Amino acid sequence: MSVPAAPRVAALVMAGGEARRMGGVDKPLLALGGGTCLGRILATLRPCCAALAISANGDPARYAAWGLPVLADRVAGVGPLAGVLRGLEWARDVGCDVLVTVPGDTPFIPPDMVARLLPAPAYAESAGQRHSLVASWPVGCHDMLAAQLAGLTPATRREATRVRTLADRLGARAAVFDLLPGGVDPFMNINTPAEHASAHALAARMDTPQ
């Protein structure tokens, strides 16, 4: 009996948030430890993914240092699902079977995250909280998502533009992750200056040889 080939996985860092509570900065570019939030995320993803890209609107030059494709939304007004849709198109075009999405302000994702999100579809859960955008998506769900967004009406818009709605329609399973030492959520995100300061200090401690 032949063993199915392992899926080719592409990863997309979602960097399109408006970051209102952070003064509109690009949160993936925030300093963290000795680098940036984005650099830390990419270092974790790179060993286990066949392709990497960044989902962001505006001037792509601000991410030029990483030498990765920067994918702008092609559908306006639908939130992060626009980025997921564009990412699925890109993943298909580069010959991948699965797209993993990660918010650009979650610097402490665990090294085994991608492996545990397979097979797709799946989403991460920690401390009883669902993280719908930390997820794996079969590339074949592109047409379903495109139809979901194309068929919006005033009555359906709110529900149909939720990432969770797509995951539930696909029957995604939960991949449950433990907290990091010290009770840190591996999917903590940075929403405020105080959270940035805490994450910066935590990264410095984690990177200091014991």
N, C-alpha and C. Protein backbone atom coordinates (compact mmCIF):
# COMPACT_ATOMS: atom_id res chain seq x y z
N MET A 1 0.85 -1.20 0.00
CA MET A 1 0.00 0.00 0.00
C MET A 1 0.88 1.24 0.00
N SER A 2 0.63 2.15 -0.92
CA SER A 2 1.43 3.36 -1.01
C SER A 2 1.04 4.34 0.10
N VAL A 3 2.04 5.07 0.57
CA VAL A 3 1.81 6.07 1.62
C VAL A 3 1.53 7.42 0.95
N PRO A 4 0.43 8.09 1.33
CA PRO A 4 0.15 9.39 0.73
C PRO A 4 1.30 10.37 0.94
N ALA A 5 1.58 11.15 -0.07
CA ALA A 5 2.65 12.13 0.05
C ALA A 5 2.27 13.21 1.06
N ALA A 6 3.28 13.69 1.78
CA ALA A 6 3.02 14.76 2.73
C ALA A 6 2.58 16.01 1.98
N PRO A 7 1.65 16.76 2.52
CA PRO A 7 1.19 17.96 1.82
C PRO A 7 2.27 19.04 1.78
N ARG A 8 2.29 19.78 0.71
CA ARG A 8 3.15 20.97 0.63
C ARG A 8 2.42 22.12 1.31
N VAL A 9 3.07 22.69 2.30
CA VAL A 9 2.42 23.72 3.13
C VAL A 9 3.00 25.09 2.83
N ALA A 10 2.12 26.04 2.59
CA ALA A 10 2.49 27.45 2.48
C ALA A 10 1.98 28.17 3.72
N ALA A 11 2.72 29.18 4.15
CA ALA A 11 2.30 29.95 5.32
C ALA A 11 2.15 31.42 4.96
N LEU A 12 1.12 32.03 5.50
CA LEU A 12 0.81 33.44 5.24
C LEU A 12 0.74 34.18 6.57
N VAL A 13 1.60 35.17 6.74
CA VAL A 13 1.55 36.02 7.93
C VAL A 13 0.60 37.17 7.66
N MET A 14 -0.45 37.26 8.46
CA MET A 14 -1.51 38.25 8.26
C MET A 14 -1.10 39.58 8.90
N ALA A 15 -0.76 40.55 8.06
CA ALA A 15 -0.25 41.82 8.56
C ALA A 15 -1.15 42.99 8.18
N GLY A 16 -2.44 42.72 7.97
CA GLY A 16 -3.31 43.77 7.46
C GLY A 16 -4.15 44.50 8.48
N GLY A 17 -3.96 44.23 9.76
CA GLY A 17 -4.78 44.90 10.78
C GLY A 17 -4.49 46.39 10.88
N GLU A 18 -5.46 47.15 11.37
CA GLU A 18 -5.31 48.61 11.46
C GLU A 18 -4.58 49.07 12.72
N ALA A 19 -4.49 48.20 13.73
CA ALA A 19 -3.72 48.49 14.95
C ALA A 19 -4.10 49.83 15.57
N ARG A 20 -5.40 50.09 15.72
CA ARG A 20 -5.85 51.38 16.25
C ARG A 20 -5.29 51.65 17.65
N ARG A 21 -5.27 50.61 18.51
CA ARG A 21 -4.79 50.82 19.87
C ARG A 21 -3.28 50.98 19.95
N MET A 22 -2.59 50.74 18.84
CA MET A 22 -1.14 50.93 18.79
C MET A 22 -0.77 52.15 17.95
N GLY A 23 -1.73 53.00 17.67
CA GLY A 23 -1.45 54.21 16.91
C GLY A 23 -1.28 53.98 15.42
N GLY A 24 -1.80 52.84 14.94
CA GLY A 24 -1.75 52.56 13.51
C GLY A 24 -0.42 52.04 13.00
N VAL A 25 0.46 51.62 13.87
CA VAL A 25 1.76 51.09 13.43
C VAL A 25 1.57 49.71 12.79
N ASP A 26 2.57 49.28 12.03
CA ASP A 26 2.59 47.91 11.52
C ASP A 26 3.09 47.00 12.63
N LYS A 27 2.19 46.31 13.28
CA LYS A 27 2.58 45.51 14.44
C LYS A 27 3.63 44.44 14.12
N PRO A 28 3.61 43.82 12.93
CA PRO A 28 4.67 42.85 12.65
C PRO A 28 6.08 43.44 12.69
N LEU A 29 6.19 44.76 12.51
CA LEU A 29 7.50 45.40 12.48
C LEU A 29 7.95 45.90 13.85
N LEU A 30 7.15 45.67 14.88
CA LEU A 30 7.52 46.08 16.22
C LEU A 30 8.79 45.38 16.68
N ALA A 31 9.64 46.11 17.40
CA ALA A 31 10.85 45.51 17.96
C ALA A 31 10.46 44.45 18.99
N LEU A 32 11.20 43.36 18.96
CA LEU A 32 10.91 42.27 19.90
C LEU A 32 12.22 41.54 20.20
N GLY A 33 12.64 41.56 21.47
CA GLY A 33 13.92 40.96 21.78
C GLY A 33 15.00 41.66 20.97
N GLY A 34 15.76 40.87 20.22
CA GLY A 34 16.79 41.46 19.37
C GLY A 34 16.38 41.62 17.94
N GLY A 35 15.10 41.45 17.63
CA GLY A 35 14.64 41.54 16.25
C GLY A 35 13.28 42.19 16.16
N THR A 36 12.41 41.61 15.35
CA THR A 36 11.05 42.12 15.18
C THR A 36 10.06 40.99 15.40
N CYS A 37 8.82 41.37 15.58
CA CYS A 37 7.75 40.39 15.72
C CYS A 37 7.67 39.51 14.47
N LEU A 38 7.72 40.13 13.30
CA LEU A 38 7.64 39.37 12.06
C LEU A 38 8.83 38.44 11.90
N GLY A 39 10.02 38.93 12.20
CA GLY A 39 11.19 38.08 12.08
C GLY A 39 11.10 36.84 12.94
N ARG A 40 10.54 37.01 14.13
CA ARG A 40 10.42 35.87 15.03
C ARG A 40 9.41 34.85 14.49
N ILE A 41 8.30 35.33 13.96
CA ILE A 41 7.28 34.44 13.40
C ILE A 41 7.85 33.68 12.21
N LEU A 42 8.52 34.38 11.31
CA LEU A 42 9.06 33.74 10.11
C LEU A 42 10.13 32.70 10.47
N ALA A 43 10.95 32.99 11.47
CA ALA A 43 11.97 32.03 11.88
C ALA A 43 11.34 30.72 12.35
N THR A 44 10.17 30.80 12.97
CA THR A 44 9.48 29.59 13.42
C THR A 44 8.83 28.86 12.25
N LEU A 45 8.27 29.60 11.31
CA LEU A 45 7.56 28.98 10.19
C LEU A 45 8.49 28.41 9.13
N ARG A 46 9.62 29.05 8.90
CA ARG A 46 10.46 28.72 7.74
C ARG A 46 10.87 27.24 7.67
N PRO A 47 11.27 26.60 8.78
CA PRO A 47 11.73 25.21 8.66
C PRO A 47 10.65 24.22 8.25
N CYS A 48 9.38 24.57 8.40
CA CYS A 48 8.32 23.59 8.16
C CYS A 48 7.37 23.99 7.04
N CYS A 49 7.74 24.97 6.24
CA CYS A 49 6.86 25.43 5.15
C CYS A 49 7.63 25.50 3.84
N ALA A 50 6.94 25.15 2.76
CA ALA A 50 7.55 25.19 1.44
C ALA A 50 7.58 26.59 0.86
N ALA A 51 6.71 27.48 1.33
CA ALA A 51 6.64 28.84 0.82
C ALA A 51 6.08 29.75 1.90
N LEU A 52 6.53 31.00 1.90
CA LEU A 52 6.09 31.99 2.87
C LEU A 52 5.68 33.26 2.15
N ALA A 53 4.69 33.96 2.68
CA ALA A 53 4.27 35.24 2.14
C ALA A 53 3.67 36.07 3.26
N ILE A 54 3.50 37.36 2.96
CA ILE A 54 2.93 38.32 3.92
C ILE A 54 1.68 38.90 3.31
N SER A 55 0.61 38.94 4.09
CA SER A 55 -0.64 39.57 3.66
C SER A 55 -0.69 40.98 4.20
N ALA A 56 -0.60 41.97 3.29
CA ALA A 56 -0.60 43.37 3.72
C ALA A 56 -1.02 44.26 2.58
N ASN A 57 -1.74 45.32 2.91
CA ASN A 57 -2.10 46.35 1.95
C ASN A 57 -1.14 47.53 2.09
N GLY A 58 -1.23 48.49 1.19
CA GLY A 58 -0.34 49.63 1.26
C GLY A 58 0.99 49.34 0.58
N ASP A 59 1.99 50.13 0.89
CA ASP A 59 3.30 50.05 0.25
C ASP A 59 4.00 48.76 0.66
N PRO A 60 4.24 47.84 -0.27
CA PRO A 60 4.91 46.59 0.10
C PRO A 60 6.37 46.77 0.44
N ALA A 61 6.95 47.93 0.12
CA ALA A 61 8.38 48.14 0.34
C ALA A 61 8.75 48.04 1.82
N ARG A 62 7.80 48.29 2.72
CA ARG A 62 8.13 48.24 4.14
C ARG A 62 8.47 46.83 4.60
N TYR A 63 8.14 45.84 3.79
CA TYR A 63 8.48 44.46 4.12
C TYR A 63 9.58 43.91 3.21
N ALA A 64 10.23 44.78 2.46
CA ALA A 64 11.21 44.33 1.46
C ALA A 64 12.39 43.58 2.08
N ALA A 65 12.72 43.89 3.32
CA ALA A 65 13.89 43.27 3.95
C ALA A 65 13.77 41.75 4.04
N TRP A 66 12.56 41.23 4.01
CA TRP A 66 12.38 39.79 4.14
C TRP A 66 12.35 39.07 2.80
N GLY A 67 12.28 39.80 1.71
CA GLY A 67 12.35 39.18 0.39
C GLY A 67 11.23 38.21 0.10
N LEU A 68 10.05 38.47 0.62
CA LEU A 68 8.91 37.58 0.45
C LEU A 68 7.81 38.26 -0.36
N PRO A 69 6.95 37.47 -1.01
CA PRO A 69 5.78 38.07 -1.67
C PRO A 69 4.91 38.80 -0.65
N VAL A 70 4.45 39.98 -1.01
CA VAL A 70 3.51 40.74 -0.18
C VAL A 70 2.19 40.78 -0.94
N LEU A 71 1.18 40.14 -0.38
CA LEU A 71 -0.09 39.95 -1.07
C LEU A 71 -1.13 40.95 -0.60
N ALA A 72 -1.58 41.80 -1.49
CA ALA A 72 -2.62 42.77 -1.16
C ALA A 72 -3.99 42.14 -1.38
N ASP A 73 -4.96 42.59 -0.59
CA ASP A 73 -6.34 42.10 -0.74
C ASP A 73 -6.88 42.46 -2.12
N ARG A 74 -7.71 41.57 -2.66
CA ARG A 74 -8.41 41.87 -3.90
C ARG A 74 -9.90 42.10 -3.67
N VAL A 75 -10.36 41.85 -2.45
CA VAL A 75 -11.75 42.09 -2.08
C VAL A 75 -11.75 43.06 -0.91
N ALA A 76 -12.48 44.15 -1.03
CA ALA A 76 -12.48 45.18 0.02
C ALA A 76 -13.64 44.99 0.99
N GLY A 77 -13.41 45.41 2.22
CA GLY A 77 -14.50 45.48 3.19
C GLY A 77 -14.95 44.18 3.80
N VAL A 78 -14.13 43.15 3.75
CA VAL A 78 -14.55 41.86 4.34
C VAL A 78 -13.58 41.38 5.41
N GLY A 79 -12.64 42.24 5.84
CA GLY A 79 -11.75 41.87 6.92
C GLY A 79 -10.72 40.84 6.53
N PRO A 80 -10.24 40.06 7.50
CA PRO A 80 -9.14 39.13 7.25
C PRO A 80 -9.44 38.04 6.24
N LEU A 81 -10.71 37.74 5.99
CA LEU A 81 -11.00 36.71 4.99
C LEU A 81 -10.53 37.12 3.60
N ALA A 82 -10.41 38.42 3.34
CA ALA A 82 -9.86 38.85 2.07
C ALA A 82 -8.41 38.40 1.94
N GLY A 83 -7.67 38.48 3.03
CA GLY A 83 -6.30 38.01 3.04
C GLY A 83 -6.20 36.51 2.88
N VAL A 84 -7.11 35.79 3.54
CA VAL A 84 -7.12 34.33 3.41
C VAL A 84 -7.40 33.94 1.96
N LEU A 85 -8.38 34.60 1.34
CA LEU A 85 -8.72 34.30 -0.05
C LEU A 85 -7.52 34.53 -0.97
N ARG A 86 -6.87 35.68 -0.81
CA ARG A 86 -5.70 35.98 -1.64
C ARG A 86 -4.58 34.98 -1.36
N GLY A 87 -4.43 34.58 -0.11
CA GLY A 87 -3.41 33.60 0.24
C GLY A 87 -3.67 32.24 -0.37
N LEU A 88 -4.92 31.83 -0.42
CA LEU A 88 -5.26 30.56 -1.04
C LEU A 88 -4.92 30.57 -2.53
N GLU A 89 -5.18 31.68 -3.20
CA GLU A 89 -4.82 31.80 -4.62
C GLU A 89 -3.31 31.65 -4.81
N TRP A 90 -2.57 32.36 -3.97
CA TRP A 90 -1.10 32.31 -4.05
C TRP A 90 -0.58 30.90 -3.75
N ALA A 91 -1.10 30.27 -2.70
CA ALA A 91 -0.65 28.93 -2.33
C ALA A 91 -0.90 27.94 -3.46
N ARG A 92 -2.04 28.06 -4.10
CA ARG A 92 -2.35 27.21 -5.25
C ARG A 92 -1.35 27.46 -6.38
N ASP A 93 -1.04 28.72 -6.62
CA ASP A 93 -0.15 29.06 -7.73
C ASP A 93 1.28 28.58 -7.50
N VAL A 94 1.70 28.45 -6.24
CA VAL A 94 3.06 27.97 -5.97
C VAL A 94 3.08 26.47 -5.70
N GLY A 95 1.98 25.80 -5.99
CA GLY A 95 1.95 24.35 -5.93
C GLY A 95 1.81 23.75 -4.56
N CYS A 96 1.17 24.47 -3.64
CA CYS A 96 0.98 23.95 -2.29
C CYS A 96 -0.44 23.43 -2.11
N ASP A 97 -0.60 22.53 -1.15
CA ASP A 97 -1.88 21.89 -0.88
C ASP A 97 -2.61 22.52 0.30
N VAL A 98 -1.85 23.12 1.20
CA VAL A 98 -2.39 23.65 2.45
C VAL A 98 -1.84 25.06 2.67
N LEU A 99 -2.69 25.95 3.16
CA LEU A 99 -2.27 27.28 3.59
C LEU A 99 -2.44 27.39 5.09
N VAL A 100 -1.37 27.76 5.77
CA VAL A 100 -1.43 28.06 7.21
C VAL A 100 -1.40 29.57 7.37
N THR A 101 -2.34 30.10 8.15
CA THR A 101 -2.38 31.53 8.41
C THR A 101 -2.03 31.81 9.86
N VAL A 102 -1.30 32.91 10.07
CA VAL A 102 -0.88 33.32 11.41
C VAL A 102 -0.95 34.84 11.49
N PRO A 103 -1.58 35.40 12.51
CA PRO A 103 -1.55 36.86 12.67
C PRO A 103 -0.13 37.37 12.85
N GLY A 104 0.15 38.55 12.33
CA GLY A 104 1.50 39.09 12.39
C GLY A 104 1.90 39.66 13.72
N ASP A 105 1.04 39.56 14.73
CA ASP A 105 1.37 40.07 16.06
C ASP A 105 1.34 38.96 17.11
N THR A 106 1.59 37.72 16.67
CA THR A 106 1.63 36.57 17.60
C THR A 106 3.03 35.99 17.58
N PRO A 107 3.97 36.59 18.31
CA PRO A 107 5.38 36.23 18.15
C PRO A 107 5.83 34.93 18.78
N PHE A 108 5.00 34.31 19.61
CA PHE A 108 5.47 33.15 20.35
C PHE A 108 4.84 31.83 19.89
N ILE A 109 4.47 31.76 18.62
CA ILE A 109 3.90 30.51 18.09
C ILE A 109 4.89 29.37 18.30
N PRO A 110 4.39 28.18 18.69
CA PRO A 110 5.29 27.07 19.00
C PRO A 110 5.88 26.43 17.74
N PRO A 111 7.06 25.85 17.85
CA PRO A 111 7.71 25.23 16.69
C PRO A 111 6.91 24.11 16.05
N ASP A 112 6.06 23.43 16.83
CA ASP A 112 5.28 22.31 16.28
C ASP A 112 3.90 22.73 15.80
N MET A 113 3.66 24.03 15.71
CA MET A 113 2.33 24.51 15.37
C MET A 113 1.86 24.00 14.01
N VAL A 114 2.70 24.15 12.97
CA VAL A 114 2.28 23.74 11.63
C VAL A 114 1.98 22.25 11.61
N ALA A 115 2.86 21.44 12.20
CA ALA A 115 2.64 19.99 12.19
C ALA A 115 1.33 19.62 12.87
N ARG A 116 1.00 20.32 13.93
CA ARG A 116 -0.21 19.98 14.68
C ARG A 116 -1.48 20.51 14.04
N LEU A 117 -1.32 21.45 13.11
CA LEU A 117 -2.48 21.93 12.36
C LEU A 117 -2.76 21.08 11.13
N LEU A 118 -1.99 20.04 10.93
CA LEU A 118 -2.24 19.09 9.84
C LEU A 118 -2.87 17.84 10.40
N PRO A 119 -3.78 17.20 9.67
CA PRO A 119 -4.28 17.63 8.36
C PRO A 119 -5.23 18.82 8.48
N ALA A 120 -5.29 19.59 7.41
CA ALA A 120 -6.20 20.73 7.33
C ALA A 120 -7.61 20.23 6.97
N PRO A 121 -8.63 20.95 7.44
CA PRO A 121 -8.61 22.22 8.15
C PRO A 121 -8.55 22.05 9.66
N ALA A 122 -7.88 22.98 10.31
CA ALA A 122 -7.79 22.96 11.76
C ALA A 122 -7.50 24.38 12.24
N TYR A 123 -7.79 24.62 13.52
CA TYR A 123 -7.48 25.91 14.12
C TYR A 123 -6.89 25.67 15.50
N ALA A 124 -6.12 26.62 15.97
CA ALA A 124 -5.47 26.49 17.27
C ALA A 124 -6.41 26.90 18.39
N GLU A 125 -6.21 26.26 19.53
CA GLU A 125 -6.96 26.60 20.75
C GLU A 125 -5.99 26.51 21.92
N SER A 126 -6.07 27.48 22.83
CA SER A 126 -5.23 27.47 24.02
C SER A 126 -5.99 28.14 25.16
N ALA A 127 -5.81 27.60 26.35
CA ALA A 127 -6.46 28.17 27.54
C ALA A 127 -7.95 28.36 27.32
N GLY A 128 -8.58 27.44 26.59
CA GLY A 128 -10.01 27.51 26.34
C GLY A 128 -10.42 28.54 25.33
N GLN A 129 -9.45 29.19 24.67
CA GLN A 129 -9.76 30.23 23.69
C GLN A 129 -9.46 29.73 22.29
N ARG A 130 -10.38 29.98 21.39
CA ARG A 130 -10.21 29.60 19.99
C ARG A 130 -9.50 30.72 19.24
N HIS A 131 -8.51 30.34 18.43
CA HIS A 131 -7.76 31.31 17.63
C HIS A 131 -8.03 30.98 16.16
N SER A 132 -9.11 31.55 15.64
CA SER A 132 -9.59 31.13 14.33
C SER A 132 -8.65 31.48 13.19
N LEU A 133 -7.79 32.49 13.36
CA LEU A 133 -6.90 32.87 12.29
C LEU A 133 -5.55 32.15 12.37
N VAL A 134 -5.29 31.45 13.46
CA VAL A 134 -4.15 30.54 13.54
C VAL A 134 -4.68 29.20 13.05
N ALA A 135 -4.56 28.95 11.77
CA ALA A 135 -5.33 27.86 11.18
C ALA A 135 -4.67 27.30 9.93
N SER A 136 -5.13 26.13 9.56
CA SER A 136 -4.71 25.51 8.30
C SER A 136 -5.94 25.36 7.41
N TRP A 137 -5.75 25.67 6.13
CA TRP A 137 -6.85 25.66 5.17
C TRP A 137 -6.46 24.84 3.96
N PRO A 138 -7.28 23.88 3.56
CA PRO A 138 -7.00 23.19 2.30
C PRO A 138 -7.13 24.18 1.16
N VAL A 139 -6.17 24.17 0.25
CA VAL A 139 -6.18 25.13 -0.85
C VAL A 139 -7.46 24.99 -1.68
N GLY A 140 -8.02 23.80 -1.70
CA GLY A 140 -9.25 23.56 -2.46
C GLY A 140 -10.47 24.29 -1.95
N CYS A 141 -10.39 24.92 -0.76
CA CYS A 141 -11.56 25.65 -0.25
C CYS A 141 -11.65 27.05 -0.84
N HIS A 142 -10.74 27.39 -1.73
CA HIS A 142 -10.75 28.74 -2.32
C HIS A 142 -12.10 29.08 -2.93
N ASP A 143 -12.65 28.19 -3.73
CA ASP A 143 -13.91 28.50 -4.42
C ASP A 143 -15.06 28.68 -3.44
N MET A 144 -15.07 27.88 -2.37
CA MET A 144 -16.11 28.04 -1.35
C MET A 144 -16.03 29.41 -0.70
N LEU A 145 -14.82 29.83 -0.37
CA LEU A 145 -14.66 31.14 0.26
C LEU A 145 -15.01 32.26 -0.71
N ALA A 146 -14.59 32.13 -1.97
CA ALA A 146 -14.90 33.16 -2.95
C ALA A 146 -16.42 33.31 -3.10
N ALA A 147 -17.13 32.18 -3.12
CA ALA A 147 -18.59 32.24 -3.24
C ALA A 147 -19.21 32.84 -1.98
N GLN A 148 -18.65 32.51 -0.82
CA GLN A 148 -19.16 33.05 0.44
C GLN A 148 -19.06 34.57 0.45
N LEU A 149 -17.95 35.11 -0.05
CA LEU A 149 -17.76 36.55 -0.03
C LEU A 149 -18.49 37.25 -1.16
N ALA A 150 -18.68 36.55 -2.27
CA ALA A 150 -19.39 37.15 -3.40
C ALA A 150 -20.88 37.25 -3.15
N GLY A 151 -21.40 36.40 -2.27
CA GLY A 151 -22.83 36.37 -2.04
C GLY A 151 -23.30 37.16 -0.84
N LEU A 152 -22.50 38.13 -0.39
CA LEU A 152 -22.87 38.88 0.81
C LEU A 152 -24.11 39.74 0.59
N THR A 153 -24.94 39.79 1.61
CA THR A 153 -26.08 40.69 1.66
C THR A 153 -26.02 41.42 2.99
N PRO A 154 -26.77 42.50 3.16
CA PRO A 154 -26.77 43.18 4.46
C PRO A 154 -27.12 42.24 5.61
N ALA A 155 -27.97 41.26 5.34
CA ALA A 155 -28.39 40.34 6.40
C ALA A 155 -27.32 39.30 6.73
N THR A 156 -26.49 38.94 5.75
CA THR A 156 -25.52 37.87 5.96
C THR A 156 -24.10 38.36 6.17
N ARG A 157 -23.83 39.65 5.91
CA ARG A 157 -22.45 40.14 5.89
C ARG A 157 -21.71 39.85 7.20
N ARG A 158 -22.31 40.15 8.32
CA ARG A 158 -21.59 40.02 9.59
C ARG A 158 -21.13 38.58 9.82
N GLU A 159 -22.01 37.64 9.60
CA GLU A 159 -21.65 36.24 9.84
C GLU A 159 -20.72 35.70 8.75
N ALA A 160 -20.99 36.06 7.51
CA ALA A 160 -20.24 35.48 6.40
C ALA A 160 -18.82 36.02 6.31
N THR A 161 -18.52 37.14 6.96
CA THR A 161 -17.17 37.68 6.90
C THR A 161 -16.34 37.30 8.13
N ARG A 162 -16.85 36.42 8.96
CA ARG A 162 -16.08 35.93 10.11
C ARG A 162 -15.21 34.76 9.68
N VAL A 163 -13.96 34.75 10.13
CA VAL A 163 -13.07 33.63 9.84
C VAL A 163 -13.65 32.34 10.42
N ARG A 164 -14.24 32.45 11.58
CA ARG A 164 -14.81 31.28 12.24
C ARG A 164 -15.90 30.62 11.38
N THR A 165 -16.65 31.41 10.64
CA THR A 165 -17.72 30.86 9.81
C THR A 165 -17.14 29.93 8.75
N LEU A 166 -16.06 30.36 8.10
CA LEU A 166 -15.43 29.50 7.10
C LEU A 166 -14.91 28.22 7.74
N ALA A 167 -14.23 28.34 8.87
CA ALA A 167 -13.70 27.15 9.55
C ALA A 167 -14.82 26.17 9.89
N ASP A 168 -15.92 26.68 10.40
CA ASP A 168 -17.02 25.81 10.78
C ASP A 168 -17.66 25.15 9.56
N ARG A 169 -17.79 25.89 8.48
CA ARG A 169 -18.35 25.31 7.26
C ARG A 169 -17.49 24.17 6.72
N LEU A 170 -16.19 24.28 6.96
CA LEU A 170 -15.26 23.24 6.50
C LEU A 170 -15.15 22.08 7.48
N GLY A 171 -15.76 22.22 8.65
CA GLY A 171 -15.65 21.18 9.66
C GLY A 171 -14.27 21.12 10.30
N ALA A 172 -13.64 22.28 10.48
CA ALA A 172 -12.29 22.33 11.04
C ALA A 172 -12.28 21.80 12.47
N ARG A 173 -11.19 21.13 12.82
CA ARG A 173 -11.03 20.60 14.17
C ARG A 173 -10.16 21.54 14.99
N ALA A 174 -10.23 21.39 16.30
CA ALA A 174 -9.40 22.18 17.20
C ALA A 174 -8.10 21.44 17.49
N ALA A 175 -6.99 22.14 17.37
CA ALA A 175 -5.70 21.62 17.82
C ALA A 175 -5.37 22.36 19.11
N VAL A 176 -5.37 21.64 20.23
CA VAL A 176 -5.25 22.28 21.54
C VAL A 176 -3.78 22.33 21.96
N PHE A 177 -3.32 23.52 22.30
CA PHE A 177 -1.93 23.75 22.70
C PHE A 177 -1.85 24.13 24.17
N ASP A 178 -0.80 23.66 24.83
CA ASP A 178 -0.55 24.01 26.22
C ASP A 178 0.03 25.42 26.30
N LEU A 179 -0.06 26.01 27.50
CA LEU A 179 0.57 27.29 27.74
C LEU A 179 2.09 27.11 27.80
N LEU A 180 2.80 28.17 27.51
CA LEU A 180 4.25 28.16 27.62
C LEU A 180 4.64 28.26 29.09
N PRO A 181 5.90 27.97 29.42
CA PRO A 181 6.34 28.15 30.81
C PRO A 181 6.03 29.56 31.31
N GLY A 182 5.58 29.62 32.55
CA GLY A 182 5.19 30.90 33.11
C GLY A 182 3.75 31.28 32.81
N GLY A 183 3.01 30.35 32.20
CA GLY A 183 1.61 30.60 31.91
C GLY A 183 1.36 31.51 30.73
N VAL A 184 2.33 31.62 29.83
CA VAL A 184 2.19 32.49 28.66
C VAL A 184 1.42 31.76 27.56
N ASP A 185 0.44 32.43 27.01
CA ASP A 185 -0.32 31.86 25.91
C ASP A 185 0.54 31.90 24.65
N PRO A 186 0.76 30.74 23.97
CA PRO A 186 1.60 30.75 22.78
C PRO A 186 1.03 31.58 21.64
N PHE A 187 -0.26 31.93 21.74
CA PHE A 187 -0.89 32.72 20.69
C PHE A 187 -1.30 34.11 21.19
N MET A 188 -0.62 34.55 22.24
CA MET A 188 -0.88 35.91 22.72
C MET A 188 -0.56 36.88 21.58
N ASN A 189 -1.38 37.92 21.45
CA ASN A 189 -1.09 38.91 20.43
C ASN A 189 -0.90 40.28 21.08
N ILE A 190 -0.32 41.17 20.31
CA ILE A 190 0.05 42.48 20.82
C ILE A 190 -0.97 43.51 20.34
N ASN A 191 -1.74 44.03 21.28
CA ASN A 191 -2.78 45.00 20.92
C ASN A 191 -2.57 46.38 21.50
N THR A 192 -1.74 46.48 22.53
CA THR A 192 -1.54 47.76 23.21
C THR A 192 -0.06 47.97 23.48
N PRO A 193 0.35 49.22 23.74
CA PRO A 193 1.75 49.47 24.11
C PRO A 193 2.20 48.65 25.32
N ALA A 194 1.32 48.48 26.29
CA ALA A 194 1.69 47.70 27.47
C ALA A 194 1.95 46.24 27.10
N GLU A 195 1.13 45.68 26.22
CA GLU A 195 1.34 44.30 25.78
C GLU A 195 2.63 44.18 24.97
N HIS A 196 2.93 45.22 24.19
CA HIS A 196 4.19 45.21 23.44
C HIS A 196 5.38 45.19 24.40
N ALA A 197 5.32 46.02 25.44
CA ALA A 197 6.42 46.05 26.41
C ALA A 197 6.60 44.70 27.08
N SER A 198 5.48 44.06 27.44
CA SER A 198 5.56 42.74 28.08
C SER A 198 6.14 41.71 27.13
N ALA A 199 5.70 41.73 25.86
CA ALA A 199 6.19 40.77 24.88
C ALA A 199 7.67 40.99 24.58
N HIS A 200 8.07 42.25 24.51
CA HIS A 200 9.48 42.58 24.26
C HIS A 200 10.36 42.03 25.38
N ALA A 201 9.93 42.22 26.62
CA ALA A 201 10.70 41.72 27.76
C ALA A 201 10.72 40.19 27.77
N LEU A 202 9.58 39.58 27.46
CA LEU A 202 9.50 38.12 27.43
C LEU A 202 10.42 37.55 26.37
N ALA A 203 10.44 38.15 25.19
CA ALA A 203 11.31 37.67 24.11
C ALA A 203 12.76 37.76 24.52
N ALA A 204 13.13 38.84 25.18
CA ALA A 204 14.51 39.00 25.63
C ALA A 204 14.89 37.91 26.63
N ARG A 205 13.97 37.59 27.54
CA ARG A 205 14.25 36.52 28.51
C ARG A 205 14.37 35.17 27.83
N MET A 206 13.47 34.90 26.89
CA MET A 206 13.47 33.61 26.21
C MET A 206 14.74 33.41 25.38
N ASP A 207 15.28 34.51 24.87
CA ASP A 207 16.45 34.42 23.99
C ASP A 207 17.78 34.49 24.75
N THR A 208 17.72 34.72 26.05
CA THR A 208 18.94 34.80 26.84
C THR A 208 19.37 33.41 27.28
N PRO A 209 20.59 32.97 26.93
CA PRO A 209 21.06 31.64 27.36
C PRO A 209 21.00 31.49 28.87
N GLN A 210 20.50 30.35 29.29
CA GLN A 210 20.40 30.11 30.73
C GLN A 210 21.69 29.51 31.27
